[in-house]
Amino acid sequence: MATLPEINRKWKLTSEAESELRSRLAMAGYYCSAEPAVETDIYYSQPNVWVRIRERDNVAEIAYTAIPGSTREIQVMRADITQAGEAAALLKAIGAVEQVRVVKTRAIFKHLALEHARVVIDQISGVGTFVAVEVALDDADARGAVANVERHLQLDELPVIELPYRELVTRAVTVAS
């Protein structure tokens, strides 16, 4: 993906809807770019900011999102997975509090004619399965690209989920408690 900010929209899938979507992806020329991978996102909060440490494929990524209301995540560092613990210790040392862990199994689908976009199917532990369309373009182009992929894959028939995964997991944990 490009280094521009990522824009995405997501939809919740039933088992039947996931199966139908996988068929539509194949018929539309999308291919799964790799074996599904497990990602663990650990979110810490500080006043007016969320910090995320993502562990995936022996790599740790650190990113932040200014809150409230922002959906823009800014990646600040990629490091060897062994540095994830050091980053967590640093965050705790400056008073950040671990809020939630999001564990997801992600399958990424790409299309040769759409190098700026990808479709991901995420299975979120304790919450369910979602599909997201992600693009890395400037805002106006991104909204149009997401809408085009959405229509082409018939995602516009599903309800859009506005909440980030961290909030969906937090709500699921609260209900289960």
N, C-alpha and C. Protein backbone atom coordinates (compact mmCIF):
# COMPACT_ATOMS: atom_id res chain seq x y z
N MET A 1 0.85 -1.18 0.00
CA MET A 1 0.00 0.00 0.00
C MET A 1 0.89 1.24 0.00
N ALA A 2 0.37 2.32 -0.47
CA ALA A 2 1.08 3.58 -0.50
C ALA A 2 1.23 4.13 0.91
N THR A 3 2.03 5.18 1.06
CA THR A 3 2.26 5.74 2.38
C THR A 3 1.24 6.83 2.73
N LEU A 4 0.30 7.10 1.86
CA LEU A 4 -0.74 8.07 2.17
C LEU A 4 -1.66 7.51 3.24
N PRO A 5 -2.40 8.39 3.94
CA PRO A 5 -3.34 7.88 4.95
C PRO A 5 -4.33 6.90 4.35
N GLU A 6 -4.68 5.91 5.12
CA GLU A 6 -5.59 4.87 4.65
C GLU A 6 -7.02 5.24 5.01
N ILE A 7 -7.90 5.07 4.05
CA ILE A 7 -9.33 5.27 4.27
C ILE A 7 -9.99 3.91 4.15
N ASN A 8 -10.90 3.59 5.05
CA ASN A 8 -11.59 2.31 4.89
C ASN A 8 -13.02 2.39 5.40
N ARG A 9 -13.81 1.47 4.89
CA ARG A 9 -15.17 1.26 5.38
C ARG A 9 -15.31 -0.22 5.61
N LYS A 10 -16.16 -0.57 6.58
CA LYS A 10 -16.31 -2.01 6.86
C LYS A 10 -17.77 -2.37 7.07
N TRP A 11 -18.04 -3.66 6.85
CA TRP A 11 -19.37 -4.22 6.96
C TRP A 11 -19.29 -5.53 7.73
N LYS A 12 -20.31 -5.84 8.53
CA LYS A 12 -20.37 -7.12 9.25
C LYS A 12 -20.91 -8.18 8.32
N LEU A 13 -20.33 -9.36 8.41
CA LEU A 13 -20.73 -10.47 7.55
C LEU A 13 -21.29 -11.63 8.37
N THR A 14 -22.35 -12.22 7.88
CA THR A 14 -22.80 -13.51 8.39
C THR A 14 -21.96 -14.57 7.68
N SER A 15 -22.06 -15.82 8.11
CA SER A 15 -21.34 -16.90 7.42
C SER A 15 -21.76 -17.00 5.97
N GLU A 16 -23.06 -16.88 5.72
CA GLU A 16 -23.58 -16.96 4.35
C GLU A 16 -23.08 -15.79 3.51
N ALA A 17 -23.11 -14.59 4.09
CA ALA A 17 -22.64 -13.40 3.35
C ALA A 17 -21.15 -13.50 3.05
N GLU A 18 -20.36 -14.07 3.98
CA GLU A 18 -18.93 -14.24 3.74
C GLU A 18 -18.69 -15.19 2.57
N SER A 19 -19.41 -16.30 2.54
CA SER A 19 -19.26 -17.26 1.46
C SER A 19 -19.63 -16.63 0.11
N GLU A 20 -20.73 -15.89 0.08
CA GLU A 20 -21.14 -15.21 -1.15
C GLU A 20 -20.11 -14.18 -1.58
N LEU A 21 -19.56 -13.43 -0.62
CA LEU A 21 -18.55 -12.42 -0.94
C LEU A 21 -17.30 -13.06 -1.52
N ARG A 22 -16.85 -14.15 -0.92
CA ARG A 22 -15.65 -14.83 -1.44
C ARG A 22 -15.88 -15.28 -2.89
N SER A 23 -17.09 -15.71 -3.21
CA SER A 23 -17.41 -16.08 -4.59
C SER A 23 -17.38 -14.86 -5.51
N ARG A 24 -17.96 -13.75 -5.05
CA ARG A 24 -17.96 -12.52 -5.87
C ARG A 24 -16.54 -12.00 -6.07
N LEU A 25 -15.72 -12.10 -5.03
CA LEU A 25 -14.31 -11.67 -5.16
C LEU A 25 -13.61 -12.47 -6.25
N ALA A 26 -13.78 -13.79 -6.21
CA ALA A 26 -13.13 -14.65 -7.21
C ALA A 26 -13.65 -14.33 -8.62
N MET A 27 -14.97 -14.18 -8.76
CA MET A 27 -15.54 -13.89 -10.08
C MET A 27 -15.10 -12.52 -10.60
N ALA A 28 -14.82 -11.58 -9.69
CA ALA A 28 -14.42 -10.23 -10.10
C ALA A 28 -12.92 -10.13 -10.34
N GLY A 29 -12.17 -11.21 -10.14
CA GLY A 29 -10.74 -11.19 -10.42
C GLY A 29 -9.85 -10.85 -9.24
N TYR A 30 -10.40 -10.85 -8.04
CA TYR A 30 -9.58 -10.62 -6.85
C TYR A 30 -8.86 -11.92 -6.49
N TYR A 31 -7.69 -11.79 -5.90
CA TYR A 31 -6.95 -12.96 -5.44
C TYR A 31 -6.49 -12.72 -4.01
N CYS A 32 -6.40 -13.80 -3.24
CA CYS A 32 -5.92 -13.69 -1.86
C CYS A 32 -4.40 -13.56 -1.93
N SER A 33 -3.86 -12.46 -1.42
CA SER A 33 -2.45 -12.15 -1.62
C SER A 33 -1.50 -12.98 -0.76
N ALA A 34 -2.01 -13.64 0.27
CA ALA A 34 -1.17 -14.47 1.13
C ALA A 34 -2.10 -15.30 2.01
N GLU A 35 -1.52 -16.23 2.74
CA GLU A 35 -2.32 -16.98 3.70
C GLU A 35 -2.86 -16.01 4.75
N PRO A 36 -4.07 -16.25 5.25
CA PRO A 36 -4.58 -15.39 6.31
C PRO A 36 -3.58 -15.32 7.47
N ALA A 37 -3.42 -14.14 8.02
CA ALA A 37 -2.44 -13.92 9.09
C ALA A 37 -3.15 -13.40 10.33
N VAL A 38 -2.60 -13.76 11.49
CA VAL A 38 -3.14 -13.27 12.75
C VAL A 38 -2.42 -11.98 13.11
N GLU A 39 -3.21 -10.97 13.46
CA GLU A 39 -2.68 -9.69 13.93
C GLU A 39 -3.23 -9.46 15.33
N THR A 40 -2.38 -9.00 16.22
CA THR A 40 -2.83 -8.60 17.55
C THR A 40 -2.56 -7.11 17.70
N ASP A 41 -3.64 -6.36 17.92
CA ASP A 41 -3.53 -4.91 18.13
C ASP A 41 -3.77 -4.64 19.61
N ILE A 42 -2.82 -3.99 20.25
CA ILE A 42 -2.95 -3.63 21.66
C ILE A 42 -3.06 -2.12 21.72
N TYR A 43 -4.19 -1.64 22.24
CA TYR A 43 -4.47 -0.20 22.28
C TYR A 43 -4.22 0.35 23.67
N TYR A 44 -3.52 1.47 23.70
CA TYR A 44 -3.24 2.20 24.93
C TYR A 44 -3.86 3.58 24.77
N SER A 45 -4.31 4.14 25.88
CA SER A 45 -4.88 5.49 25.79
C SER A 45 -4.08 6.46 26.64
N GLN A 46 -4.02 7.65 26.14
CA GLN A 46 -3.48 8.82 26.80
C GLN A 46 -4.50 9.91 26.53
N PRO A 47 -4.48 11.00 27.26
CA PRO A 47 -5.45 12.06 26.94
C PRO A 47 -5.37 12.46 25.46
N ASN A 48 -6.50 12.39 24.78
CA ASN A 48 -6.68 12.82 23.39
C ASN A 48 -5.90 12.02 22.35
N VAL A 49 -5.46 10.82 22.68
CA VAL A 49 -4.77 10.01 21.68
C VAL A 49 -4.89 8.52 22.02
N TRP A 50 -5.02 7.70 20.98
CA TRP A 50 -4.92 6.24 21.09
C TRP A 50 -3.58 5.86 20.49
N VAL A 51 -2.86 4.97 21.13
CA VAL A 51 -1.62 4.43 20.57
C VAL A 51 -1.84 2.93 20.39
N ARG A 52 -1.45 2.44 19.22
CA ARG A 52 -1.63 1.02 18.92
C ARG A 52 -0.29 0.37 18.65
N ILE A 53 -0.08 -0.79 19.26
CA ILE A 53 1.04 -1.65 18.91
C ILE A 53 0.44 -2.85 18.20
N ARG A 54 0.83 -3.06 16.96
CA ARG A 54 0.34 -4.21 16.18
C ARG A 54 1.46 -5.21 16.04
N GLU A 55 1.16 -6.45 16.37
CA GLU A 55 2.11 -7.54 16.20
C GLU A 55 1.62 -8.42 15.06
N ARG A 56 2.46 -8.58 14.03
CA ARG A 56 2.09 -9.36 12.85
C ARG A 56 3.35 -9.75 12.10
N ASP A 57 3.42 -11.00 11.68
CA ASP A 57 4.52 -11.46 10.83
C ASP A 57 5.90 -11.07 11.35
N ASN A 58 6.13 -11.26 12.63
CA ASN A 58 7.43 -10.93 13.25
C ASN A 58 7.80 -9.46 13.14
N VAL A 59 6.79 -8.62 12.99
CA VAL A 59 6.99 -7.17 12.92
C VAL A 59 6.06 -6.51 13.93
N ALA A 60 6.54 -5.46 14.53
CA ALA A 60 5.70 -4.63 15.40
C ALA A 60 5.53 -3.28 14.72
N GLU A 61 4.31 -2.80 14.69
CA GLU A 61 4.04 -1.46 14.16
C GLU A 61 3.46 -0.63 15.29
N ILE A 62 3.88 0.60 15.35
CA ILE A 62 3.33 1.52 16.34
C ILE A 62 2.67 2.66 15.58
N ALA A 63 1.46 2.97 15.97
CA ALA A 63 0.71 4.03 15.31
C ALA A 63 -0.12 4.76 16.35
N TYR A 64 -0.61 5.94 15.99
CA TYR A 64 -1.48 6.67 16.89
C TYR A 64 -2.63 7.30 16.12
N THR A 65 -3.71 7.55 16.85
CA THR A 65 -4.87 8.24 16.31
C THR A 65 -5.26 9.29 17.32
N ALA A 66 -5.35 10.54 16.88
CA ALA A 66 -5.83 11.60 17.76
C ALA A 66 -7.32 11.39 17.97
N ILE A 67 -7.77 11.55 19.19
CA ILE A 67 -9.19 11.40 19.50
C ILE A 67 -9.69 12.67 20.16
N PRO A 68 -10.92 12.96 20.24
CA PRO A 68 -12.04 12.11 19.84
C PRO A 68 -12.40 12.30 18.37
N GLY A 69 -13.01 11.28 17.82
CA GLY A 69 -13.63 11.38 16.51
C GLY A 69 -12.77 11.14 15.30
N SER A 70 -11.46 11.05 15.44
CA SER A 70 -10.62 10.87 14.27
C SER A 70 -10.60 9.41 13.85
N THR A 71 -10.56 9.19 12.54
CA THR A 71 -10.39 7.83 12.03
C THR A 71 -9.04 7.68 11.35
N ARG A 72 -8.25 8.73 11.34
CA ARG A 72 -6.94 8.71 10.69
C ARG A 72 -5.89 8.18 11.63
N GLU A 73 -5.26 7.08 11.24
CA GLU A 73 -4.20 6.48 12.02
C GLU A 73 -2.88 6.83 11.36
N ILE A 74 -1.94 7.29 12.13
CA ILE A 74 -0.62 7.67 11.62
C ILE A 74 0.40 6.66 12.12
N GLN A 75 1.02 5.94 11.18
CA GLN A 75 2.04 4.97 11.57
C GLN A 75 3.33 5.71 11.84
N VAL A 76 3.94 5.41 12.98
CA VAL A 76 5.16 6.11 13.34
C VAL A 76 6.39 5.22 13.35
N MET A 77 6.20 3.89 13.40
CA MET A 77 7.37 3.05 13.48
C MET A 77 7.03 1.61 13.11
N ARG A 78 7.96 0.97 12.41
CA ARG A 78 7.92 -0.48 12.19
C ARG A 78 9.21 -1.02 12.78
N ALA A 79 9.09 -2.08 13.54
CA ALA A 79 10.28 -2.61 14.21
C ALA A 79 10.21 -4.12 14.28
N ASP A 80 11.31 -4.71 14.67
CA ASP A 80 11.35 -6.14 14.93
C ASP A 80 10.37 -6.47 16.05
N ILE A 81 9.73 -7.62 15.97
CA ILE A 81 8.70 -8.01 16.92
C ILE A 81 9.21 -7.97 18.37
N THR A 82 10.50 -8.17 18.57
CA THR A 82 11.03 -8.16 19.94
C THR A 82 10.92 -6.78 20.57
N GLN A 83 10.76 -5.74 19.77
CA GLN A 83 10.65 -4.39 20.31
C GLN A 83 9.23 -4.03 20.74
N ALA A 84 8.25 -4.88 20.47
CA ALA A 84 6.87 -4.60 20.89
C ALA A 84 6.78 -4.50 22.41
N GLY A 85 7.46 -5.40 23.12
CA GLY A 85 7.44 -5.36 24.58
C GLY A 85 8.09 -4.10 25.12
N GLU A 86 9.17 -3.67 24.48
CA GLU A 86 9.84 -2.44 24.91
C GLU A 86 8.95 -1.22 24.67
N ALA A 87 8.25 -1.22 23.55
CA ALA A 87 7.33 -0.11 23.26
C ALA A 87 6.20 -0.09 24.28
N ALA A 88 5.66 -1.26 24.63
CA ALA A 88 4.60 -1.32 25.63
C ALA A 88 5.10 -0.82 26.98
N ALA A 89 6.30 -1.21 27.36
CA ALA A 89 6.87 -0.75 28.63
C ALA A 89 7.04 0.76 28.64
N LEU A 90 7.48 1.33 27.52
CA LEU A 90 7.63 2.78 27.42
C LEU A 90 6.28 3.47 27.57
N LEU A 91 5.26 2.96 26.89
CA LEU A 91 3.93 3.56 26.99
C LEU A 91 3.43 3.52 28.43
N LYS A 92 3.60 2.40 29.09
CA LYS A 92 3.17 2.29 30.49
C LYS A 92 3.95 3.23 31.38
N ALA A 93 5.25 3.41 31.09
CA ALA A 93 6.09 4.28 31.91
C ALA A 93 5.64 5.74 31.83
N ILE A 94 5.05 6.14 30.69
CA ILE A 94 4.59 7.53 30.57
C ILE A 94 3.11 7.67 30.91
N GLY A 95 2.54 6.61 31.50
CA GLY A 95 1.18 6.70 32.00
C GLY A 95 0.08 6.21 31.08
N ALA A 96 0.45 5.67 29.93
CA ALA A 96 -0.58 5.12 29.04
C ALA A 96 -1.12 3.83 29.66
N VAL A 97 -2.40 3.60 29.45
CA VAL A 97 -3.07 2.44 30.03
C VAL A 97 -3.56 1.54 28.91
N GLU A 98 -3.25 0.23 29.02
CA GLU A 98 -3.77 -0.70 28.02
C GLU A 98 -5.28 -0.76 28.16
N GLN A 99 -5.98 -0.52 27.06
CA GLN A 99 -7.44 -0.48 27.07
C GLN A 99 -8.08 -1.74 26.50
N VAL A 100 -7.53 -2.25 25.40
CA VAL A 100 -8.17 -3.38 24.73
C VAL A 100 -7.17 -4.07 23.81
N ARG A 101 -7.37 -5.39 23.64
CA ARG A 101 -6.61 -6.17 22.66
C ARG A 101 -7.58 -6.66 21.60
N VAL A 102 -7.22 -6.43 20.36
CA VAL A 102 -8.02 -6.90 19.24
C VAL A 102 -7.21 -7.97 18.53
N VAL A 103 -7.72 -9.19 18.52
CA VAL A 103 -7.04 -10.28 17.83
C VAL A 103 -7.87 -10.61 16.60
N LYS A 104 -7.23 -10.52 15.45
CA LYS A 104 -7.97 -10.76 14.21
C LYS A 104 -7.15 -11.66 13.29
N THR A 105 -7.89 -12.45 12.53
CA THR A 105 -7.29 -13.23 11.45
C THR A 105 -7.72 -12.53 10.18
N ARG A 106 -6.75 -12.09 9.41
CA ARG A 106 -7.01 -11.25 8.24
C ARG A 106 -6.61 -11.94 6.95
N ALA A 107 -7.56 -11.97 6.01
CA ALA A 107 -7.28 -12.42 4.64
C ALA A 107 -7.35 -11.17 3.75
N ILE A 108 -6.31 -10.96 2.96
CA ILE A 108 -6.21 -9.77 2.11
C ILE A 108 -6.41 -10.17 0.65
N PHE A 109 -7.34 -9.47 -0.01
CA PHE A 109 -7.63 -9.72 -1.41
C PHE A 109 -7.25 -8.49 -2.22
N LYS A 110 -6.56 -8.73 -3.34
CA LYS A 110 -6.12 -7.65 -4.22
C LYS A 110 -6.62 -7.92 -5.63
N HIS A 111 -6.61 -6.87 -6.43
CA HIS A 111 -7.01 -6.97 -7.83
C HIS A 111 -5.92 -6.30 -8.64
N LEU A 112 -5.49 -6.91 -9.73
CA LEU A 112 -4.38 -6.36 -10.53
C LEU A 112 -4.69 -4.96 -11.06
N ALA A 113 -5.94 -4.67 -11.35
CA ALA A 113 -6.31 -3.36 -11.91
C ALA A 113 -6.54 -2.31 -10.83
N LEU A 114 -6.49 -2.69 -9.55
CA LEU A 114 -6.77 -1.76 -8.45
C LEU A 114 -5.61 -1.76 -7.46
N GLU A 115 -4.46 -1.28 -7.89
CA GLU A 115 -3.27 -1.36 -7.03
C GLU A 115 -3.38 -0.51 -5.77
N HIS A 116 -4.25 0.48 -5.77
CA HIS A 116 -4.40 1.37 -4.62
C HIS A 116 -5.42 0.88 -3.60
N ALA A 117 -6.11 -0.22 -3.90
CA ALA A 117 -7.18 -0.70 -3.02
C ALA A 117 -6.99 -2.18 -2.69
N ARG A 118 -7.56 -2.55 -1.56
CA ARG A 118 -7.60 -3.97 -1.21
C ARG A 118 -8.87 -4.22 -0.41
N VAL A 119 -9.30 -5.46 -0.45
CA VAL A 119 -10.46 -5.91 0.31
C VAL A 119 -9.94 -6.88 1.35
N VAL A 120 -10.32 -6.70 2.60
CA VAL A 120 -9.87 -7.59 3.65
C VAL A 120 -11.07 -8.23 4.34
N ILE A 121 -10.93 -9.48 4.68
CA ILE A 121 -11.92 -10.17 5.50
C ILE A 121 -11.25 -10.44 6.83
N ASP A 122 -11.83 -9.85 7.88
CA ASP A 122 -11.28 -9.95 9.23
C ASP A 122 -12.19 -10.76 10.11
N GLN A 123 -11.64 -11.78 10.76
CA GLN A 123 -12.36 -12.50 11.79
C GLN A 123 -11.84 -11.98 13.12
N ILE A 124 -12.71 -11.25 13.84
CA ILE A 124 -12.32 -10.60 15.08
C ILE A 124 -12.76 -11.48 16.25
N SER A 125 -11.80 -11.91 17.06
CA SER A 125 -12.10 -12.79 18.20
C SER A 125 -13.15 -12.14 19.10
N GLY A 126 -14.21 -12.91 19.38
CA GLY A 126 -15.26 -12.46 20.28
C GLY A 126 -16.26 -11.50 19.68
N VAL A 127 -16.09 -11.13 18.41
CA VAL A 127 -16.99 -10.13 17.81
C VAL A 127 -17.65 -10.64 16.53
N GLY A 128 -16.89 -11.22 15.62
CA GLY A 128 -17.48 -11.71 14.38
C GLY A 128 -16.58 -11.47 13.18
N THR A 129 -17.17 -11.61 12.00
CA THR A 129 -16.44 -11.47 10.74
C THR A 129 -16.89 -10.21 10.03
N PHE A 130 -15.91 -9.50 9.45
CA PHE A 130 -16.17 -8.23 8.78
C PHE A 130 -15.42 -8.21 7.45
N VAL A 131 -15.90 -7.40 6.54
CA VAL A 131 -15.17 -7.11 5.31
C VAL A 131 -14.90 -5.61 5.33
N ALA A 132 -13.71 -5.25 4.90
CA ALA A 132 -13.35 -3.83 4.80
C ALA A 132 -12.73 -3.57 3.44
N VAL A 133 -13.01 -2.41 2.91
CA VAL A 133 -12.35 -1.93 1.70
C VAL A 133 -11.40 -0.84 2.14
N GLU A 134 -10.13 -1.01 1.82
CA GLU A 134 -9.10 -0.05 2.24
C GLU A 134 -8.43 0.53 1.01
N VAL A 135 -8.26 1.84 1.02
CA VAL A 135 -7.56 2.51 -0.06
C VAL A 135 -6.59 3.52 0.53
N ALA A 136 -5.52 3.78 -0.18
CA ALA A 136 -4.52 4.75 0.25
C ALA A 136 -4.40 5.82 -0.83
N LEU A 137 -5.35 6.73 -0.83
CA LEU A 137 -5.39 7.85 -1.76
C LEU A 137 -5.78 9.09 -0.98
N ASP A 138 -5.73 10.25 -1.65
CA ASP A 138 -6.22 11.44 -0.95
C ASP A 138 -7.73 11.31 -0.76
N ASP A 139 -8.30 12.14 0.11
CA ASP A 139 -9.69 11.97 0.55
C ASP A 139 -10.72 11.85 -0.56
N ALA A 140 -10.73 12.76 -1.51
CA ALA A 140 -11.75 12.74 -2.56
C ALA A 140 -11.63 11.47 -3.40
N ASP A 141 -10.42 11.14 -3.80
CA ASP A 141 -10.21 9.93 -4.61
C ASP A 141 -10.55 8.67 -3.81
N ALA A 142 -10.21 8.68 -2.52
CA ALA A 142 -10.44 7.50 -1.68
C ALA A 142 -11.93 7.22 -1.55
N ARG A 143 -12.71 8.25 -1.28
CA ARG A 143 -14.16 8.03 -1.13
C ARG A 143 -14.75 7.44 -2.40
N GLY A 144 -14.34 7.94 -3.55
CA GLY A 144 -14.83 7.41 -4.82
C GLY A 144 -14.38 5.98 -5.06
N ALA A 145 -13.14 5.68 -4.72
CA ALA A 145 -12.61 4.32 -4.93
C ALA A 145 -13.33 3.32 -4.03
N VAL A 146 -13.56 3.68 -2.77
CA VAL A 146 -14.27 2.79 -1.85
C VAL A 146 -15.69 2.55 -2.37
N ALA A 147 -16.36 3.62 -2.81
CA ALA A 147 -17.74 3.49 -3.32
C ALA A 147 -17.79 2.59 -4.55
N ASN A 148 -16.81 2.69 -5.44
CA ASN A 148 -16.78 1.85 -6.64
C ASN A 148 -16.61 0.37 -6.29
N VAL A 149 -15.68 0.07 -5.41
CA VAL A 149 -15.46 -1.32 -4.99
C VAL A 149 -16.70 -1.83 -4.26
N GLU A 150 -17.26 -0.99 -3.40
CA GLU A 150 -18.46 -1.36 -2.65
C GLU A 150 -19.60 -1.77 -3.59
N ARG A 151 -19.87 -0.97 -4.61
CA ARG A 151 -20.94 -1.28 -5.56
C ARG A 151 -20.61 -2.54 -6.35
N HIS A 152 -19.39 -2.63 -6.82
CA HIS A 152 -18.98 -3.77 -7.65
C HIS A 152 -19.12 -5.09 -6.91
N LEU A 153 -18.83 -5.11 -5.61
CA LEU A 153 -18.91 -6.34 -4.81
C LEU A 153 -20.25 -6.48 -4.08
N GLN A 154 -21.17 -5.56 -4.35
CA GLN A 154 -22.51 -5.58 -3.75
C GLN A 154 -22.47 -5.45 -2.23
N LEU A 155 -21.48 -4.73 -1.72
CA LEU A 155 -21.40 -4.50 -0.28
C LEU A 155 -22.40 -3.45 0.17
N ASP A 156 -22.90 -2.66 -0.78
CA ASP A 156 -23.86 -1.61 -0.43
C ASP A 156 -25.17 -2.19 0.09
N GLU A 157 -25.34 -3.51 -0.02
CA GLU A 157 -26.54 -4.17 0.51
C GLU A 157 -26.38 -4.51 2.00
N LEU A 158 -25.18 -4.36 2.54
CA LEU A 158 -24.90 -4.66 3.94
C LEU A 158 -24.82 -3.37 4.75
N PRO A 159 -25.13 -3.44 6.05
CA PRO A 159 -25.01 -2.23 6.88
C PRO A 159 -23.54 -1.87 7.14
N VAL A 160 -23.22 -0.61 7.00
CA VAL A 160 -21.86 -0.12 7.26
C VAL A 160 -21.65 -0.08 8.78
N ILE A 161 -20.48 -0.52 9.20
CA ILE A 161 -20.11 -0.48 10.62
C ILE A 161 -19.16 0.72 10.78
N GLU A 162 -19.58 1.69 11.55
CA GLU A 162 -18.80 2.91 11.72
C GLU A 162 -17.76 2.81 12.84
N LEU A 163 -17.98 1.94 13.81
CA LEU A 163 -17.08 1.86 14.96
C LEU A 163 -15.79 1.13 14.60
N PRO A 164 -14.67 1.58 15.18
CA PRO A 164 -13.42 0.84 14.97
C PRO A 164 -13.47 -0.50 15.73
N TYR A 165 -12.64 -1.44 15.30
CA TYR A 165 -12.60 -2.75 15.94
C TYR A 165 -12.35 -2.63 17.44
N ARG A 166 -11.50 -1.71 17.85
CA ARG A 166 -11.21 -1.58 19.28
C ARG A 166 -12.48 -1.30 20.07
N GLU A 167 -13.39 -0.50 19.50
CA GLU A 167 -14.65 -0.19 20.19
C GLU A 167 -15.60 -1.39 20.17
N LEU A 168 -15.65 -2.10 19.05
CA LEU A 168 -16.50 -3.28 18.97
C LEU A 168 -16.06 -4.34 19.98
N VAL A 169 -14.75 -4.55 20.12
CA VAL A 169 -14.24 -5.52 21.09
C VAL A 169 -14.52 -5.05 22.51
N THR A 170 -14.31 -3.77 22.78
CA THR A 170 -14.59 -3.23 24.11
C THR A 170 -16.06 -3.46 24.48
N ARG A 171 -16.96 -3.18 23.56
CA ARG A 171 -18.38 -3.39 23.82
C ARG A 171 -18.71 -4.86 24.04
N ALA A 172 -18.10 -5.74 23.25
CA ALA A 172 -18.35 -7.18 23.40
C ALA A 172 -17.85 -7.68 24.75
N VAL A 173 -16.70 -7.20 25.19
CA VAL A 173 -16.14 -7.60 26.49
C VAL A 173 -17.05 -7.09 27.61
N THR A 174 -17.54 -5.87 27.49
CA THR A 174 -18.42 -5.27 28.51
C THR A 174 -19.72 -6.06 28.63
N VAL A 175 -20.30 -6.45 27.49
CA VAL A 175 -21.53 -7.23 27.51
C VAL A 175 -21.30 -8.60 28.11
N ALA A 176 -20.16 -9.21 27.82
CA ALA A 176 -19.85 -10.56 28.33
C ALA A 176 -19.55 -10.56 29.82
N SER A 177 -19.15 -9.42 30.37
CA SER A 177 -18.76 -9.36 31.80
C SER A 177 -19.94 -9.37 32.72
